[in-house]
């Protein structure tokens, strides 16, 4: 299915490009999140007219993302979770939890979908967590998982 991208998307393309993507990806993600339009003749003409505005908006998003990245990059956050005697957690630390932690400490809104732990966080220790703020801006934080109490 051909779509016109309305913003830069990592590993897909840049603003205004007409890309051939899978139908489900187009409908369920790109079009649902207003990141793309169906590639009809009317939409192609419309996007050509507003391409400059889209580029300006993307630059603004990029600048905001860079500012956020400067605040949180290489920062260390601590999470306390229940664990067993073998230092295994009950459950795991999810991106939503990391997002709430950053919101509480630094008052910075980060969507859980932007957060990608390098591996699943299921035991006590230090973990690197990559945060994709923009298609061209990434930040990396360290998550220190500690035991709140052992059961």
N, C-alpha and C. Protein backbone atom coordinates (compact mmCIF):
# COMPACT_ATOMS: atom_id res chain seq x y z
N UNK A 1 0.84 -1.17 0.00
CA UNK A 1 0.00 0.00 0.00
C UNK A 1 0.89 1.24 0.00
N UNK A 2 0.61 2.17 -0.87
CA UNK A 2 1.40 3.39 -0.97
C UNK A 2 0.83 4.47 -0.05
N UNK A 3 1.75 5.10 0.72
CA UNK A 3 1.38 6.18 1.62
C UNK A 3 2.35 7.34 1.45
N UNK A 4 1.90 8.53 1.86
CA UNK A 4 2.75 9.72 1.86
C UNK A 4 3.08 10.01 3.32
N UNK A 5 4.36 10.07 3.65
CA UNK A 5 4.77 10.30 5.03
C UNK A 5 4.63 11.77 5.41
N UNK A 6 4.04 12.01 6.59
CA UNK A 6 3.86 13.37 7.08
C UNK A 6 4.92 13.77 8.10
N UNK A 7 5.77 12.82 8.49
CA UNK A 7 6.90 13.12 9.37
C UNK A 7 8.01 12.11 9.12
N UNK A 8 9.20 12.44 9.61
CA UNK A 8 10.34 11.52 9.47
C UNK A 8 10.12 10.33 10.38
N UNK A 9 10.23 9.14 9.84
CA UNK A 9 10.05 7.92 10.62
C UNK A 9 11.27 7.05 10.41
N UNK A 10 11.89 6.67 11.52
CA UNK A 10 13.11 5.87 11.48
C UNK A 10 12.87 4.57 10.72
N UNK A 11 13.78 4.21 9.84
CA UNK A 11 13.76 2.99 9.04
C UNK A 11 12.60 2.92 8.05
N UNK A 12 11.87 4.03 7.87
CA UNK A 12 10.78 4.04 6.88
C UNK A 12 11.05 5.10 5.83
N UNK A 13 11.19 6.38 6.25
CA UNK A 13 11.46 7.43 5.27
C UNK A 13 11.32 8.81 5.86
N UNK A 14 11.41 9.81 4.97
CA UNK A 14 11.38 11.22 5.37
C UNK A 14 10.06 11.86 4.97
N UNK A 15 9.85 13.08 5.43
CA UNK A 15 8.63 13.84 5.15
C UNK A 15 8.40 13.96 3.65
N UNK A 16 7.16 13.74 3.24
CA UNK A 16 6.77 13.93 1.85
C UNK A 16 7.09 12.78 0.92
N UNK A 17 7.82 11.79 1.39
CA UNK A 17 8.15 10.65 0.54
C UNK A 17 6.93 9.75 0.37
N UNK A 18 6.82 9.17 -0.81
CA UNK A 18 5.77 8.19 -1.07
C UNK A 18 6.42 6.82 -0.91
N UNK A 19 5.93 6.07 0.07
CA UNK A 19 6.52 4.78 0.40
C UNK A 19 5.50 3.67 0.23
N UNK A 20 6.00 2.50 -0.15
CA UNK A 20 5.17 1.31 -0.24
C UNK A 20 5.38 0.51 1.04
N UNK A 21 4.35 0.45 1.89
CA UNK A 21 4.46 -0.27 3.16
C UNK A 21 3.36 -1.33 3.24
N UNK A 22 3.47 -2.20 4.20
CA UNK A 22 2.46 -3.23 4.37
C UNK A 22 1.14 -2.59 4.79
N UNK A 23 0.06 -3.17 4.33
CA UNK A 23 -1.27 -2.62 4.54
C UNK A 23 -1.59 -2.44 6.04
N UNK A 24 -1.28 -3.44 6.85
CA UNK A 24 -1.56 -3.36 8.29
C UNK A 24 -0.77 -2.26 8.98
N UNK A 25 0.52 -2.13 8.62
CA UNK A 25 1.37 -1.08 9.18
C UNK A 25 0.82 0.29 8.82
N UNK A 26 0.38 0.43 7.57
CA UNK A 26 -0.17 1.70 7.11
C UNK A 26 -1.44 2.06 7.88
N UNK A 27 -2.39 1.11 7.91
CA UNK A 27 -3.67 1.39 8.56
C UNK A 27 -3.58 1.51 10.07
N UNK A 28 -2.90 0.56 10.70
CA UNK A 28 -2.91 0.49 12.16
C UNK A 28 -1.94 1.43 12.84
N UNK A 29 -0.87 1.83 12.16
CA UNK A 29 0.11 2.69 12.81
C UNK A 29 0.23 4.06 12.13
N UNK A 30 0.63 4.06 10.86
CA UNK A 30 0.94 5.33 10.19
C UNK A 30 -0.29 6.23 10.07
N UNK A 31 -1.37 5.72 9.52
CA UNK A 31 -2.55 6.56 9.30
C UNK A 31 -3.29 6.80 10.61
N UNK A 32 -3.36 5.79 11.47
CA UNK A 32 -4.04 5.93 12.76
C UNK A 32 -3.38 7.00 13.64
N UNK A 33 -2.06 7.12 13.56
CA UNK A 33 -1.32 8.11 14.36
C UNK A 33 -1.02 9.39 13.58
N UNK A 34 -1.68 9.57 12.45
CA UNK A 34 -1.53 10.76 11.60
C UNK A 34 -0.07 11.02 11.21
N UNK A 35 0.64 9.92 10.92
CA UNK A 35 2.02 10.02 10.46
C UNK A 35 2.10 9.88 8.94
N UNK A 36 0.96 9.52 8.31
CA UNK A 36 0.94 9.33 6.87
C UNK A 36 -0.48 9.48 6.34
N UNK A 37 -0.57 9.65 5.02
CA UNK A 37 -1.86 9.70 4.30
C UNK A 37 -1.81 8.68 3.17
N UNK A 38 -3.00 8.22 2.76
CA UNK A 38 -3.06 7.36 1.58
C UNK A 38 -2.51 8.14 0.39
N UNK A 39 -1.82 7.48 -0.52
CA UNK A 39 -1.18 8.16 -1.65
C UNK A 39 -2.14 8.32 -2.82
N UNK A 40 -3.19 9.13 -2.63
CA UNK A 40 -4.10 9.45 -3.74
C UNK A 40 -3.59 10.72 -4.42
N UNK A 41 -4.10 11.01 -5.62
CA UNK A 41 -3.62 12.20 -6.35
C UNK A 41 -3.90 13.48 -5.58
N UNK A 42 -5.07 13.56 -4.94
CA UNK A 42 -5.41 14.78 -4.17
C UNK A 42 -4.45 14.95 -2.99
N UNK A 43 -4.18 13.83 -2.28
CA UNK A 43 -3.28 13.90 -1.13
C UNK A 43 -1.86 14.25 -1.54
N UNK A 44 -1.40 13.74 -2.68
CA UNK A 44 -0.06 14.06 -3.17
C UNK A 44 0.06 15.55 -3.43
N UNK A 45 -0.95 16.14 -4.09
CA UNK A 45 -0.94 17.59 -4.36
C UNK A 45 -1.00 18.38 -3.06
N UNK A 46 -1.81 17.93 -2.12
CA UNK A 46 -1.95 18.62 -0.83
C UNK A 46 -0.63 18.59 -0.05
N UNK A 47 0.05 17.46 -0.04
CA UNK A 47 1.30 17.34 0.71
C UNK A 47 2.39 18.20 0.08
N UNK A 48 2.41 18.30 -1.25
CA UNK A 48 3.40 19.16 -1.91
C UNK A 48 3.25 20.60 -1.44
N UNK A 49 2.00 21.04 -1.23
CA UNK A 49 1.75 22.42 -0.79
C UNK A 49 2.21 22.64 0.65
N UNK A 50 1.99 21.65 1.50
CA UNK A 50 2.29 21.85 2.92
C UNK A 50 3.62 21.23 3.35
N UNK A 51 4.44 20.82 2.40
CA UNK A 51 5.71 20.16 2.71
C UNK A 51 6.63 21.06 3.55
N UNK A 52 6.70 22.36 3.23
CA UNK A 52 7.55 23.28 3.98
C UNK A 52 7.09 23.40 5.43
N UNK A 53 5.77 23.48 5.63
CA UNK A 53 5.23 23.57 7.00
C UNK A 53 5.58 22.31 7.79
N UNK A 54 5.45 21.16 7.13
CA UNK A 54 5.78 19.90 7.79
C UNK A 54 7.25 19.85 8.18
N UNK A 55 8.11 20.35 7.31
CA UNK A 55 9.55 20.35 7.59
C UNK A 55 9.85 21.26 8.79
N UNK A 56 9.17 22.42 8.86
CA UNK A 56 9.36 23.34 9.99
C UNK A 56 8.93 22.68 11.29
N UNK A 57 7.75 22.02 11.26
CA UNK A 57 7.25 21.34 12.46
C UNK A 57 8.21 20.24 12.89
N UNK A 58 8.74 19.51 11.92
CA UNK A 58 9.68 18.44 12.23
C UNK A 58 10.95 19.01 12.86
N UNK A 59 11.43 20.14 12.36
CA UNK A 59 12.61 20.78 12.95
C UNK A 59 12.35 21.22 14.38
N UNK A 60 11.14 21.76 14.63
CA UNK A 60 10.78 22.16 15.99
C UNK A 60 10.77 20.94 16.92
N UNK A 61 10.16 19.84 16.45
CA UNK A 61 10.14 18.61 17.25
C UNK A 61 11.55 18.13 17.53
N UNK A 62 12.42 18.25 16.52
CA UNK A 62 13.80 17.81 16.66
C UNK A 62 14.52 18.65 17.72
N UNK A 63 14.30 19.97 17.70
CA UNK A 63 14.94 20.86 18.68
C UNK A 63 14.45 20.55 20.09
N UNK A 64 13.13 20.31 20.23
CA UNK A 64 12.57 19.96 21.54
C UNK A 64 13.17 18.63 22.03
N UNK A 65 13.29 17.69 21.11
CA UNK A 65 13.85 16.38 21.46
C UNK A 65 15.31 16.52 21.89
N UNK A 66 16.07 17.38 21.22
CA UNK A 66 17.47 17.60 21.60
C UNK A 66 17.56 18.19 23.00
N UNK A 67 16.65 19.13 23.32
CA UNK A 67 16.64 19.74 24.65
C UNK A 67 16.35 18.69 25.72
N UNK A 68 15.39 17.82 25.46
CA UNK A 68 15.05 16.75 26.41
C UNK A 68 16.22 15.79 26.54
N UNK A 69 16.84 15.45 25.41
CA UNK A 69 17.98 14.52 25.42
C UNK A 69 19.12 15.07 26.26
N UNK A 70 19.37 16.39 26.19
CA UNK A 70 20.44 16.99 26.99
C UNK A 70 20.15 16.85 28.48
N UNK A 71 18.85 16.95 28.86
CA UNK A 71 18.48 16.86 30.27
C UNK A 71 18.62 15.44 30.82
N UNK A 72 18.24 14.44 30.02
CA UNK A 72 18.19 13.07 30.57
C UNK A 72 19.31 12.15 30.10
N UNK A 73 20.07 12.54 29.09
CA UNK A 73 21.10 11.64 28.56
C UNK A 73 22.14 11.30 29.62
N UNK A 74 22.50 10.03 29.71
CA UNK A 74 23.50 9.49 30.65
C UNK A 74 23.12 9.70 32.12
N UNK A 75 21.85 9.96 32.40
CA UNK A 75 21.39 10.14 33.77
C UNK A 75 21.08 8.78 34.37
N UNK A 76 21.18 8.68 35.69
CA UNK A 76 20.94 7.41 36.37
C UNK A 76 19.66 7.51 37.19
N UNK A 77 18.77 6.56 36.99
CA UNK A 77 17.51 6.50 37.73
C UNK A 77 17.49 5.22 38.55
N UNK A 78 16.84 5.26 39.71
CA UNK A 78 16.78 4.09 40.58
C UNK A 78 15.33 3.64 40.75
N UNK A 79 15.12 2.33 40.62
CA UNK A 79 13.80 1.72 40.80
C UNK A 79 13.92 0.69 41.90
N UNK A 80 12.95 0.69 42.80
CA UNK A 80 12.94 -0.33 43.85
C UNK A 80 11.79 -1.29 43.59
N UNK A 81 12.11 -2.59 43.57
CA UNK A 81 11.11 -3.61 43.29
C UNK A 81 11.26 -4.76 44.29
N UNK A 82 10.17 -5.51 44.47
CA UNK A 82 10.22 -6.72 45.28
C UNK A 82 11.02 -7.78 44.56
N UNK A 83 11.82 -8.56 45.30
CA UNK A 83 12.60 -9.61 44.66
C UNK A 83 12.71 -10.84 45.55
N UNK A 84 13.17 -11.91 44.94
CA UNK A 84 13.38 -13.17 45.66
C UNK A 84 14.79 -13.20 46.23
N UNK A 85 15.13 -14.30 46.92
CA UNK A 85 16.48 -14.42 47.48
C UNK A 85 17.54 -14.53 46.38
N UNK A 86 17.14 -14.98 45.19
CA UNK A 86 18.08 -15.14 44.08
C UNK A 86 18.20 -13.88 43.24
N UNK A 87 17.75 -12.76 43.78
CA UNK A 87 17.84 -11.44 43.12
C UNK A 87 16.99 -11.33 41.85
N UNK A 88 15.99 -12.21 41.71
CA UNK A 88 15.06 -12.14 40.57
C UNK A 88 13.87 -11.29 40.99
N UNK A 89 13.37 -10.47 40.08
CA UNK A 89 12.22 -9.62 40.38
C UNK A 89 10.91 -10.38 40.20
N UNK A 90 9.92 -9.96 40.96
CA UNK A 90 8.56 -10.44 40.71
C UNK A 90 8.02 -9.57 39.58
N UNK A 91 7.90 -10.13 38.40
CA UNK A 91 7.54 -9.34 37.22
C UNK A 91 8.80 -8.74 36.63
N UNK A 92 8.64 -7.67 35.87
CA UNK A 92 9.79 -6.99 35.29
C UNK A 92 9.52 -5.50 35.26
N UNK A 93 10.55 -4.71 34.95
CA UNK A 93 10.40 -3.27 34.85
C UNK A 93 10.01 -2.95 33.41
N UNK A 94 8.82 -2.40 33.23
CA UNK A 94 8.27 -2.12 31.90
C UNK A 94 8.52 -0.66 31.50
N UNK A 95 8.45 -0.37 30.19
CA UNK A 95 8.61 1.01 29.72
C UNK A 95 7.64 2.01 30.35
N UNK A 96 6.41 1.59 30.66
CA UNK A 96 5.45 2.50 31.30
C UNK A 96 5.95 2.93 32.67
N UNK A 97 6.56 2.00 33.39
CA UNK A 97 7.10 2.31 34.71
C UNK A 97 8.28 3.27 34.60
N UNK A 98 9.13 3.06 33.60
CA UNK A 98 10.29 3.94 33.39
C UNK A 98 9.80 5.35 33.02
N UNK A 99 8.75 5.41 32.18
CA UNK A 99 8.17 6.68 31.77
C UNK A 99 7.63 7.46 32.98
N UNK A 100 6.93 6.76 33.87
CA UNK A 100 6.39 7.41 35.09
C UNK A 100 7.53 7.89 35.99
N UNK A 101 8.59 7.11 36.08
CA UNK A 101 9.74 7.47 36.91
C UNK A 101 10.38 8.77 36.41
N UNK A 102 10.58 8.88 35.10
CA UNK A 102 11.18 10.08 34.51
C UNK A 102 10.25 11.28 34.72
N UNK A 103 8.95 11.05 34.60
CA UNK A 103 7.95 12.12 34.82
C UNK A 103 8.02 12.61 36.26
N UNK A 104 8.11 11.69 37.23
CA UNK A 104 8.18 12.07 38.65
C UNK A 104 9.44 12.85 38.98
N UNK A 105 10.59 12.36 38.50
CA UNK A 105 11.87 12.94 38.89
C UNK A 105 12.18 14.23 38.12
N UNK A 106 12.06 14.18 36.79
CA UNK A 106 12.47 15.34 35.97
C UNK A 106 11.31 16.12 35.37
N UNK A 107 10.07 15.66 35.59
CA UNK A 107 8.88 16.30 35.04
C UNK A 107 8.96 16.42 33.50
N UNK A 108 9.45 15.34 32.87
CA UNK A 108 9.55 15.29 31.41
C UNK A 108 8.64 14.17 30.92
N UNK A 109 7.75 14.52 30.01
CA UNK A 109 6.79 13.56 29.46
C UNK A 109 7.44 12.74 28.35
N UNK A 110 7.56 11.43 28.56
CA UNK A 110 8.12 10.53 27.55
C UNK A 110 7.14 9.37 27.37
N UNK A 111 6.76 9.12 26.12
CA UNK A 111 5.83 8.03 25.85
C UNK A 111 6.54 6.68 26.05
N UNK A 112 5.84 5.72 26.63
CA UNK A 112 6.45 4.40 26.81
C UNK A 112 6.91 3.75 25.50
N UNK A 113 6.26 4.10 24.38
CA UNK A 113 6.66 3.54 23.09
C UNK A 113 8.04 4.02 22.64
N UNK A 114 8.52 5.12 23.22
CA UNK A 114 9.85 5.65 22.87
C UNK A 114 10.97 4.93 23.62
N UNK A 115 10.61 4.18 24.67
CA UNK A 115 11.60 3.57 25.55
C UNK A 115 11.89 2.13 25.12
N UNK A 116 13.18 1.83 24.90
CA UNK A 116 13.59 0.48 24.50
C UNK A 116 14.72 0.00 25.39
N UNK A 117 14.39 -0.83 26.40
CA UNK A 117 15.47 -1.41 27.19
C UNK A 117 16.32 -2.34 26.30
N UNK A 118 17.64 -2.37 26.53
CA UNK A 118 18.50 -3.22 25.69
C UNK A 118 18.20 -4.69 25.90
N UNK A 119 17.79 -5.06 27.12
CA UNK A 119 17.30 -6.42 27.37
C UNK A 119 16.22 -6.33 28.45
N UNK A 120 15.44 -7.38 28.60
CA UNK A 120 14.36 -7.37 29.56
C UNK A 120 14.90 -7.24 30.98
N UNK A 121 14.27 -6.37 31.76
CA UNK A 121 14.75 -6.08 33.11
C UNK A 121 13.99 -6.97 34.10
N UNK A 122 14.63 -8.10 34.47
CA UNK A 122 13.97 -9.07 35.34
C UNK A 122 14.74 -9.38 36.62
N UNK A 123 15.88 -8.72 36.81
CA UNK A 123 16.65 -8.97 38.04
C UNK A 123 17.32 -7.67 38.49
N UNK A 124 17.91 -7.74 39.68
CA UNK A 124 18.55 -6.56 40.26
C UNK A 124 19.85 -6.26 39.52
N UNK A 125 20.15 -4.97 39.34
CA UNK A 125 21.39 -4.58 38.68
C UNK A 125 21.22 -3.27 37.91
N UNK A 126 22.23 -2.93 37.12
CA UNK A 126 22.20 -1.72 36.29
C UNK A 126 21.90 -2.11 34.85
N UNK A 127 21.02 -1.33 34.20
CA UNK A 127 20.63 -1.60 32.82
C UNK A 127 20.69 -0.32 32.01
N UNK A 128 21.16 -0.45 30.77
CA UNK A 128 21.14 0.66 29.83
C UNK A 128 19.78 0.66 29.14
N UNK A 129 19.16 1.84 29.04
CA UNK A 129 17.87 1.97 28.39
C UNK A 129 17.96 3.07 27.34
N UNK A 130 17.62 2.72 26.11
CA UNK A 130 17.67 3.67 24.99
C UNK A 130 16.30 4.33 24.84
N UNK A 131 16.29 5.65 24.67
CA UNK A 131 15.05 6.39 24.47
C UNK A 131 15.14 7.10 23.13
N UNK A 132 14.21 6.77 22.21
CA UNK A 132 14.17 7.40 20.91
C UNK A 132 13.19 8.56 20.97
N UNK A 133 13.72 9.78 21.07
CA UNK A 133 12.88 10.97 21.21
C UNK A 133 12.40 11.50 19.85
N UNK A 134 13.18 11.26 18.81
CA UNK A 134 12.90 11.73 17.45
C UNK A 134 13.60 10.75 16.52
N UNK A 135 13.24 10.76 15.26
CA UNK A 135 13.88 9.82 14.34
C UNK A 135 15.39 10.02 14.25
N UNK A 136 15.87 11.22 14.64
CA UNK A 136 17.30 11.50 14.58
C UNK A 136 17.92 11.79 15.94
N UNK A 137 17.11 11.73 17.02
CA UNK A 137 17.61 12.07 18.36
C UNK A 137 17.35 10.92 19.33
N UNK A 138 18.42 10.39 19.90
CA UNK A 138 18.31 9.32 20.90
C UNK A 138 18.99 9.77 22.19
N UNK A 139 18.52 9.21 23.30
CA UNK A 139 19.15 9.44 24.60
C UNK A 139 19.33 8.07 25.24
N UNK A 140 20.28 7.98 26.16
CA UNK A 140 20.48 6.73 26.86
C UNK A 140 20.57 7.01 28.35
N UNK A 141 19.78 6.26 29.13
CA UNK A 141 19.81 6.41 30.58
C UNK A 141 20.25 5.09 31.20
N UNK A 142 20.68 5.16 32.45
CA UNK A 142 21.03 3.96 33.19
C UNK A 142 19.96 3.75 34.25
N UNK A 143 19.44 2.55 34.31
CA UNK A 143 18.41 2.22 35.28
C UNK A 143 19.01 1.28 36.33
N UNK A 144 19.02 1.74 37.57
CA UNK A 144 19.55 0.94 38.67
C UNK A 144 18.37 0.30 39.39
N UNK A 145 18.26 -1.03 39.31
CA UNK A 145 17.16 -1.75 39.93
C UNK A 145 17.65 -2.27 41.28
N UNK A 146 16.97 -1.84 42.35
CA UNK A 146 17.34 -2.25 43.70
C UNK A 146 16.21 -3.04 44.33
N UNK A 147 16.53 -3.73 45.40
CA UNK A 147 15.54 -4.51 46.13
C UNK A 147 14.87 -3.61 47.17
N UNK A 148 13.53 -3.57 47.14
CA UNK A 148 12.83 -2.83 48.19
C UNK A 148 12.74 -3.71 49.43
N UNK A 149 12.47 -5.00 49.22
CA UNK A 149 12.53 -6.00 50.29
C UNK A 149 12.52 -7.37 49.68
N UNK A 150 13.04 -8.33 50.40
CA UNK A 150 13.10 -9.70 49.90
C UNK A 150 12.03 -10.53 50.58
N UNK A 151 11.34 -11.34 49.76
CA UNK A 151 10.29 -12.19 50.31
C UNK A 151 10.77 -13.63 50.30
